[in-house]
Structures are given as structure tokens and as C-alpha cells.
Amino acid sequence: MLRRRRHEVAVQQEVQRRRPHFFILRHQLVNSLRLDEVHGAGELRRVDAQQAIVVAGDGPTGFEIAAVLTGLHERHGRTPSLTLVGPDADARWAPGHAGRRLITRLDRRGVRLIASGVAAHEAGRIILSDGSSLSCDHLVLATGLQAPALTRALGVPLDEAERIKVAPDLSSIGDDRVF
């Protein structure tokens, strides 16, 4: 038990040293879900402080992050306080009936979907574009990617999202020297 605790402390120190945001968020979420020992009582109790998580972005990445965070909570026997916020929040990007199934499953697992934008982030809450606010301990941004200017300057074929169109070997279909 002492060896495990030393390992946990070493990992925590390494995470603090490097400070990447995704490690910090994961570390905070996992710690908020752990069983902690009550000092002096010698018994385990569950930490009851539920973290309000908001995922801003209703594309594939936003939905994936919401599903993964929900699964993390469920593995620790918790119901998440998780809200996915985006202009549509309808998974229209998914093929066929997949979007409706995804929304239904997230809804069953307690994820709230709100069709709105995030206008501001303040301590402990976010302000939505309609002026309403939500409790928010952790804001995860999944608002999409934009191709850099270099991608457009290469003169190779791009798709509608300005990503390089690629062949099966991941080279550009317009220039096999570009990957």
C-alpha cells in the first residue's frame, strides 16, 4: 500500500511538473471519483462532491469526449453532471440513424444536450449565448479544428473543411510528396 502511494505521489509530481491541461483535467476528474480513506475511522467512503463538466462543441470530438467522460464516471459508480453545449447539439454530422442513437444513449446516461453557444466562462459557471448560465467546474473545449494557412498555401486539393484530401497511403491526392 505504501509503495502504491509513493507511485501515486511520483505520478502527481510528474503531472504537476509537465502541466499539460489534459493531464490536469484527467487527474482532477479521477481524483474526484476515487474512494478516499477517512482518517482515524479506518473505513472507506465515497467523495460526494459532484463535478459539473461542460463540453463545448457538438461535433464528433465533443460527443466522443462526452461519452468517454460519462464512461469514466460510470466505472467509478457515479452519475455524471455532464452537459454538452453546441449550436445544434443534434449529432447531424453522424451517418444514418447513428446520431439519434448516440443522443438517446447519452440521454439515458444522464448527459444533457443544450443547443446554444458558450459566450463566457467565469469561476464556477459558464454564460450561454442566450444569457442563461450553467454551473461549470470543468470546461472542455471541443470547438473544432481549422487548417493552418500553410495547408491552403500548398495548392493541393482540400475538402470542404479545408483539410488535405488524401489517398489510402495518406499522401495528398494532388501531390504524393505531401503527407
Foldseek 3Di string as FASTA:
>chain_A
DVVVVVVVVVVVVVCVVVVDPVVVVVVVLLVQLDWDADPPPRDTDGNDDAAAEEEEAQEPVSLVVLVVSLVSQVVSVHQHNYEYEEQQNQHPVDPDCVSVVSVVVSVVSPYHYYNFHFDADDQQWTATPVGDIDGHNYYHYPHDDADDPVLVVVPADADPRSHADADPVRAGPRDNVHD
